[in-house]
Amino acid sequence: MRHGKKINHLSRKTAHRKSMLANMACSLIEHKRINTTVAKAKALKQFVEPLVTKSKEDTTHNRRIVYSRLRQKEAVVELFREVAVKVADRPGGYTRIIKLGNRLGDNADMAMIELVDFNEVYNANKPAKKKSTRRAGKANKADETTAKAAPAEKTEEVTPEATTPEATAPETTNDAPENNEQEPKNEKE
């Protein structure tokens, strides 16, 4: 039984599998996207994402760990110089797998795996988000909504009084119940 064995062996022995993933990772770092099968793309994602995380902190120890997995000096240099700068503020999820359909020869499921921050076409339409933390979010939002509601009510009170004398005249007469009916509508809005 193979309970709890999560690694996809890709029908290869250990040395062949590690060399293949190292070469694919170097190609991904160099070209920023590659086409491969879905199974290999998923295995590559598990292989390369910890290396990108290590590249965010440029120390000699991290460079040696990454070099021991990739075994190409040029790929390590590019990972620590170019890729690490772009993914510095991203908390994981550095790669994206897009399924492409089936290969003609053997009908294998094909996919494109790419580094997320290097796709300018996909990221061009999205505005840059503010970096936020999850704690104390409710308290800040509650303060903002009360702060927004208070000035809005003040401006509503000021605008009817600042109008012409004709508008103030009905308020002094028996038209007051109409104003009371209008005020709850403004509070709901």
C-alpha atoms as a PDB file:
ATOM      1  CA  MET A   1       0.000   0.000   0.000  1.00  0.00           C
ATOM      2  CA  ARG A   2       1.124   3.569  -0.693  1.00  0.00           C
ATOM      3  CA  HIS A   3      -0.578   5.397   2.171  1.00  0.00           C
ATOM      4  CA  GLY A   4       0.840   8.876   2.822  1.00  0.00           C
ATOM      5  CA  LYS A   5       3.303   8.864  -0.065  1.00  0.00           C
ATOM      6  CA  LYS A   6       2.705  12.258  -1.666  1.00  0.00           C
ATOM      7  CA  ILE A   7       5.659  12.444  -4.070  1.00  0.00           C
ATOM      8  CA  ASN A   8       4.815  11.710  -7.686  1.00  0.00           C
ATOM      9  CA  HIS A   9       7.655   9.499  -8.905  1.00  0.00           C
ATOM     10  CA  LEU A  10       6.891  10.323 -12.569  1.00  0.00           C
ATOM     11  CA  SER A  11       7.868   6.747 -13.596  1.00  0.00           C
ATOM     12  CA  ARG A  12      11.544   7.541 -13.036  1.00  0.00           C
ATOM     13  CA  LYS A  13      14.203   6.512 -10.584  1.00  0.00           C
ATOM     14  CA  THR A  14      15.338   8.992  -7.959  1.00  0.00           C
ATOM     15  CA  ALA A  15      18.475  10.293  -9.690  1.00  0.00           C
ATOM     16  CA  HIS A  16      16.703  10.738 -13.025  1.00  0.00           C
ATOM     17  CA  ARG A  17      13.746  12.488 -11.373  1.00  0.00           C
ATOM     18  CA  LYS A  18      15.930  14.911  -9.390  1.00  0.00           C
ATOM     19  CA  SER A  19      18.023  15.773 -12.456  1.00  0.00           C
ATOM     20  CA  MET A  20      14.924  16.304 -14.586  1.00  0.00           C
ATOM     21  CA  LEU A  21      13.293  18.599 -12.012  1.00  0.00           C
ATOM     22  CA  ALA A  22      16.543  20.550 -11.565  1.00  0.00           C
ATOM     23  CA  ASN A  23      16.822  21.080 -15.334  1.00  0.00           C
ATOM     24  CA  MET A  24      13.163  22.070 -15.620  1.00  0.00           C
ATOM     25  CA  ALA A  25      13.534  24.511 -12.716  1.00  0.00           C
ATOM     26  CA  CYS A  26      16.573  26.108 -14.367  1.00  0.00           C
ATOM     27  CA  SER A  27      14.608  26.460 -17.614  1.00  0.00           C
ATOM     28  CA  LEU A  28      11.681  27.988 -15.737  1.00  0.00           C
ATOM     29  CA  ILE A  29      13.941  30.514 -14.017  1.00  0.00           C
ATOM     30  CA  GLU A  30      15.670  31.389 -17.290  1.00  0.00           C
ATOM     31  CA  HIS A  31      12.615  31.624 -19.592  1.00  0.00           C
ATOM     32  CA  LYS A  32       9.969  32.487 -16.928  1.00  0.00           C
ATOM     33  CA  ARG A  33       7.505  29.946 -18.470  1.00  0.00           C
ATOM     34  CA  ILE A  34       7.749  26.480 -19.955  1.00  0.00           C
ATOM     35  CA  ASN A  35       5.374  23.955 -21.515  1.00  0.00           C
ATOM     36  CA  THR A  36       5.284  20.442 -20.074  1.00  0.00           C
ATOM     37  CA  THR A  37       2.820  17.792 -18.949  1.00  0.00           C
ATOM     38  CA  VAL A  38       0.445  18.499 -16.068  1.00  0.00           C
ATOM     39  CA  ALA A  39       2.063  15.877 -13.816  1.00  0.00           C
ATOM     40  CA  LYS A  40       5.549  17.283 -14.371  1.00  0.00           C
ATOM     41  CA  ALA A  41       4.273  20.840 -13.863  1.00  0.00           C
ATOM     42  CA  LYS A  42       2.760  19.903 -10.497  1.00  0.00           C
ATOM     43  CA  ALA A  43       5.974  18.158  -9.432  1.00  0.00           C
ATOM     44  CA  LEU A  44       8.014  21.157 -10.609  1.00  0.00           C
ATOM     45  CA  LYS A  45       5.826  23.538  -8.621  1.00  0.00           C
ATOM     46  CA  GLN A  46       6.578  21.603  -5.420  1.00  0.00           C
ATOM     47  CA  PHE A  47      10.277  21.583  -6.337  1.00  0.00           C
ATOM     48  CA  VAL A  48      10.780  25.234  -7.285  1.00  0.00           C
ATOM     49  CA  GLU A  49       8.585  27.176  -4.846  1.00  0.00           C
ATOM     50  CA  PRO A  50      10.727  26.454  -1.746  1.00  0.00           C
ATOM     51  CA  LEU A  51      13.778  27.553  -3.734  1.00  0.00           C
ATOM     52  CA  VAL A  52      12.127  30.858  -4.635  1.00  0.00           C
ATOM     53  CA  THR A  53      11.237  31.355  -0.976  1.00  0.00           C
ATOM     54  CA  LYS A  54      14.875  30.802  -0.032  1.00  0.00           C
ATOM     55  CA  SER A  55      15.985  33.322  -2.664  1.00  0.00           C
ATOM     56  CA  LYS A  56      14.062  36.108  -0.911  1.00  0.00           C
ATOM     57  CA  GLU A  57      16.783  36.209   1.761  1.00  0.00           C
ATOM     58  CA  ASP A  58      20.151  36.512   0.051  1.00  0.00           C
ATOM     59  CA  THR A  59      22.601  34.729   2.333  1.00  0.00           C
ATOM     60  CA  THR A  60      25.503  32.465   1.514  1.00  0.00           C
ATOM     61  CA  HIS A  61      23.758  29.578   3.231  1.00  0.00           C
ATOM     62  CA  ASN A  62      20.603  29.985   1.135  1.00  0.00           C
ATOM     63  CA  ARG A  63      22.637  30.283  -2.059  1.00  0.00           C
ATOM     64  CA  ARG A  64      24.430  27.030  -1.271  1.00  0.00           C
ATOM     65  CA  ILE A  65      21.176  25.214  -0.515  1.00  0.00           C
ATOM     66  CA  VAL A  66      19.633  26.407  -3.788  1.00  0.00           C
ATOM     67  CA  TYR A  67      22.795  25.580  -5.737  1.00  0.00           C
ATOM     68  CA  SER A  68      22.795  22.045  -4.334  1.00  0.00           C
ATOM     69  CA  ARG A  69      19.285  21.553  -5.767  1.00  0.00           C
ATOM     70  CA  LEU A  70      19.666  23.410  -9.114  1.00  0.00           C
ATOM     71  CA  ARG A  71      23.338  22.706  -9.926  1.00  0.00           C
ATOM     72  CA  GLN A  72      23.617  25.600 -12.429  1.00  0.00           C
ATOM     73  CA  LYS A  73      25.397  28.738 -11.348  1.00  0.00           C
ATOM     74  CA  GLU A  74      23.669  30.987 -13.908  1.00  0.00           C
ATOM     75  CA  ALA A  75      20.205  29.910 -12.749  1.00  0.00           C
ATOM     76  CA  VAL A  76      21.093  30.570  -9.108  1.00  0.00           C
ATOM     77  CA  VAL A  77      22.424  34.033  -9.960  1.00  0.00           C
ATOM     78  CA  GLU A  78      19.284  34.929 -11.928  1.00  0.00           C
ATOM     79  CA  LEU A  79      17.035  33.552  -9.196  1.00  0.00           C
ATOM     80  CA  PHE A  80      18.654  35.628  -6.472  1.00  0.00           C
ATOM     81  CA  ARG A  81      19.027  38.822  -8.569  1.00  0.00           C
ATOM     82  CA  GLU A  82      15.947  39.122 -10.775  1.00  0.00           C
ATOM     83  CA  VAL A  83      13.288  36.739  -9.519  1.00  0.00           C
ATOM     84  CA  ALA A  84      13.770  37.430  -5.803  1.00  0.00           C
ATOM     85  CA  VAL A  85      13.308  41.172  -6.330  1.00  0.00           C
ATOM     86  CA  LYS A  86       9.952  40.722  -8.075  1.00  0.00           C
ATOM     87  CA  VAL A  87       8.541  38.200  -5.598  1.00  0.00           C
ATOM     88  CA  ALA A  88       9.817  39.942  -2.463  1.00  0.00           C
ATOM     89  CA  ASP A  89       6.371  41.006  -1.246  1.00  0.00           C
ATOM     90  CA  ARG A  90       4.471  37.886  -2.363  1.00  0.00           C
ATOM     91  CA  PRO A  91       3.756  35.410   0.477  1.00  0.00           C
ATOM     92  CA  GLY A  92       4.001  32.211  -1.575  1.00  0.00           C
ATOM     93  CA  GLY A  93       2.294  31.056  -4.746  1.00  0.00           C
ATOM     94  CA  TYR A  94       5.088  32.074  -7.100  1.00  0.00           C
ATOM     95  CA  THR A  95       4.059  29.828 -10.000  1.00  0.00           C
ATOM     96  CA  ARG A  96       0.875  29.371 -12.008  1.00  0.00           C
ATOM     97  CA  ILE A  97      -0.149  26.247 -13.948  1.00  0.00           C
ATOM     98  CA  ILE A  98      -2.379  26.798 -16.985  1.00  0.00           C
ATOM     99  CA  LYS A  99      -3.744  23.701 -18.704  1.00  0.00           C
ATOM    100  CA  LEU A 100      -3.343  23.738 -22.484  1.00  0.00           C
ATOM    101  CA  GLY A 101      -5.141  20.632 -23.696  1.00  0.00           C
ATOM    102  CA  ASN A 102      -3.830  17.315 -24.968  1.00  0.00           C
ATOM    103  CA  ARG A 103      -0.649  16.572 -26.912  1.00  0.00           C
ATOM    104  CA  LEU A 104      -1.179  15.264 -30.456  1.00  0.00           C
ATOM    105  CA  GLY A 105       1.186  12.306 -30.350  1.00  0.00           C
ATOM    106  CA  ASP A 106       0.182  10.520 -27.141  1.00  0.00           C
ATOM    107  CA  ASN A 107      -2.828  12.565 -25.936  1.00  0.00           C
ATOM    108  CA  ALA A 108      -1.008  13.583 -22.734  1.00  0.00           C
ATOM    109  CA  ASP A 109      -2.453  16.485 -20.704  1.00  0.00           C
ATOM    110  CA  MET A 110      -0.241  19.511 -21.377  1.00  0.00           C
ATOM    111  CA  ALA A 111       0.218  22.592 -19.230  1.00  0.00           C
ATOM    112  CA  MET A 112       2.193  25.800 -19.127  1.00  0.00           C
ATOM    113  CA  ILE A 113       3.888  26.647 -15.829  1.00  0.00           C
ATOM    114  CA  GLU A 114       5.022  30.232 -15.358  1.00  0.00           C
ATOM    115  CA  LEU A 115       6.320  32.580 -12.721  1.00  0.00           C
ATOM    116  CA  VAL A 116       3.358  34.723 -11.684  1.00  0.00           C
ATOM    117  CA  ASP A 117       5.076  38.107 -11.376  1.00  0.00           C
ATOM    118  CA  PHE A 118       6.691  37.939 -14.812  1.00  0.00           C
ATOM    119  CA  ASN A 119       3.441  37.808 -16.802  1.00  0.00           C
ATOM    120  CA  GLU A 120       2.851  41.483 -17.665  1.00  0.00           C
ATOM    121  CA  VAL A 121      -0.195  40.721 -19.851  1.00  0.00           C
ATOM    122  CA  TYR A 122      -2.130  39.061 -17.015  1.00  0.00           C
ATOM    123  CA  ASN A 123      -1.016  41.474 -14.283  1.00  0.00           C
ATOM    124  CA  ALA A 124      -1.477  44.702 -16.299  1.00  0.00           C
ATOM    125  CA  ASN A 125      -5.231  44.991 -15.705  1.00  0.00           C
ATOM    126  CA  LYS A 126      -5.090  44.529 -11.956  1.00  0.00           C
ATOM    127  CA  PRO A 127      -4.370  47.574  -9.764  1.00  0.00           C
ATOM    128  CA  ALA A 128      -1.710  47.284  -7.119  1.00  0.00           C
ATOM    129  CA  LYS A 129      -3.217  46.298  -3.778  1.00  0.00           C
ATOM    130  CA  LYS A 130      -2.244  47.767  -0.459  1.00  0.00           C
ATOM    131  CA  LYS A 131      -0.435  45.357   1.783  1.00  0.00           C
ATOM    132  CA  SER A 132      -2.642  44.654   4.762  1.00  0.00           C
ATOM    133  CA  THR A 133      -2.632  42.387   7.748  1.00  0.00           C
ATOM    134  CA  ARG A 134      -5.553  40.359   8.965  1.00  0.00           C
ATOM    135  CA  ARG A 135      -5.519  41.385  12.583  1.00  0.00           C
ATOM    136  CA  ALA A 136      -7.464  44.370  13.864  1.00  0.00           C
ATOM    137  CA  GLY A 137      -9.165  44.668  10.490  1.00  0.00           C
ATOM    138  CA  LYS A 138     -12.676  44.747  11.931  1.00  0.00           C
ATOM    139  CA  ALA A 139     -11.913  47.541  14.395  1.00  0.00           C
ATOM    140  CA  ASN A 140     -10.326  49.718  11.713  1.00  0.00           C
ATOM    141  CA  LYS A 141     -13.215  49.120   9.309  1.00  0.00           C
ATOM    142  CA  ALA A 142     -15.764  49.981  12.005  1.00  0.00           C
ATOM    143  CA  ASP A 143     -13.928  53.234  12.768  1.00  0.00           C
ATOM    144  CA  GLU A 144     -13.790  54.128   9.071  1.00  0.00           C
ATOM    145  CA  THR A 145     -17.513  53.516   8.528  1.00  0.00           C
ATOM    146  CA  THR A 146     -18.510  55.641  11.530  1.00  0.00           C
ATOM    147  CA  ALA A 147     -16.117  58.370  10.425  1.00  0.00           C
ATOM    148  CA  LYS A 148     -17.606  58.319   6.931  1.00  0.00           C
ATOM    149  CA  ALA A 149     -21.198  58.286   8.222  1.00  0.00           C
ATOM    150  CA  ALA A 150     -20.738  61.193  10.641  1.00  0.00           C
ATOM    151  CA  PRO A 151     -19.530  63.771   8.061  1.00  0.00           C
ATOM    152  CA  ALA A 152     -22.227  62.635   5.636  1.00  0.00           C
ATOM    153  CA  GLU A 153     -24.960  63.329   8.201  1.00  0.00           C
ATOM    154  CA  LYS A 154     -23.503  66.739   8.980  1.00  0.00           C
ATOM    155  CA  THR A 155     -23.465  67.712   5.318  1.00  0.00           C
ATOM    156  CA  GLU A 156     -27.067  66.580   4.933  1.00  0.00           C
ATOM    157  CA  GLU A 157     -28.111  68.781   7.847  1.00  0.00           C
ATOM    158  CA  VAL A 158     -26.174  71.748   6.528  1.00  0.00           C
ATOM    159  CA  THR A 159     -27.399  71.608   2.923  1.00  0.00           C
ATOM    160  CA  PRO A 160     -31.155  72.127   3.618  1.00  0.00           C
ATOM    161  CA  GLU A 161     -30.396  75.085   5.911  1.00  0.00           C
ATOM    162  CA  ALA A 162     -28.048  76.674   3.399  1.00  0.00           C
ATOM    163  CA  THR A 163     -30.735  76.760   0.696  1.00  0.00           C
ATOM    164  CA  THR A 164     -32.948  79.717  -0.206  1.00  0.00           C
ATOM    165  CA  PRO A 165     -35.445  81.219   2.266  1.00  0.00           C
ATOM    166  CA  GLU A 166     -38.285  79.509   0.382  1.00  0.00           C
ATOM    167  CA  ALA A 167     -36.914  76.131   1.392  1.00  0.00           C
ATOM    168  CA  THR A 168     -36.681  77.163   5.058  1.00  0.00           C
ATOM    169  CA  ALA A 169     -40.219  78.559   5.105  1.00  0.00           C
ATOM    170  CA  PRO A 170     -41.967  75.145   4.764  1.00  0.00           C
ATOM    171  CA  GLU A 171     -39.927  73.828   7.678  1.00  0.00           C
ATOM    172  CA  THR A 172     -41.378  76.453   9.982  1.00  0.00           C
ATOM    173  CA  THR A 173     -44.934  75.601   8.909  1.00  0.00           C
ATOM    174  CA  ASN A 174     -46.785  72.324   9.471  1.00  0.00           C
ATOM    175  CA  ASP A 175     -44.693  70.476   6.865  1.00  0.00           C
ATOM    176  CA  ALA A 176     -42.462  69.020   9.607  1.00  0.00           C
ATOM    177  CA  PRO A 177     -43.906  65.458   9.327  1.00  0.00           C
ATOM    178  CA  GLU A 178     -42.712  65.323   5.722  1.00  0.00           C
ATOM    179  CA  ASN A 179     -39.181  66.124   6.860  1.00  0.00           C
ATOM    180  CA  ASN A 180     -39.367  63.374   9.481  1.00  0.00           C
ATOM    181  CA  GLU A 181     -40.351  60.891   6.781  1.00  0.00           C
ATOM    182  CA  GLN A 182     -37.428  61.938   4.622  1.00  0.00           C
ATOM    183  CA  GLU A 183     -34.834  61.633   7.378  1.00  0.00           C
ATOM    184  CA  PRO A 184     -35.178  57.835   7.838  1.00  0.00           C
ATOM    185  CA  LYS A 185     -34.773  57.412   4.092  1.00  0.00           C
ATOM    186  CA  ASN A 186     -31.471  59.289   4.271  1.00  0.00           C
ATOM    187  CA  GLU A 187     -30.295  57.139   7.177  1.00  0.00           C
ATOM    188  CA  LYS A 188     -30.997  53.957   5.181  1.00  0.00           C
ATOM    189  CA  GLU A 189     -29.031  55.231   2.235  1.00  0.00           C
END
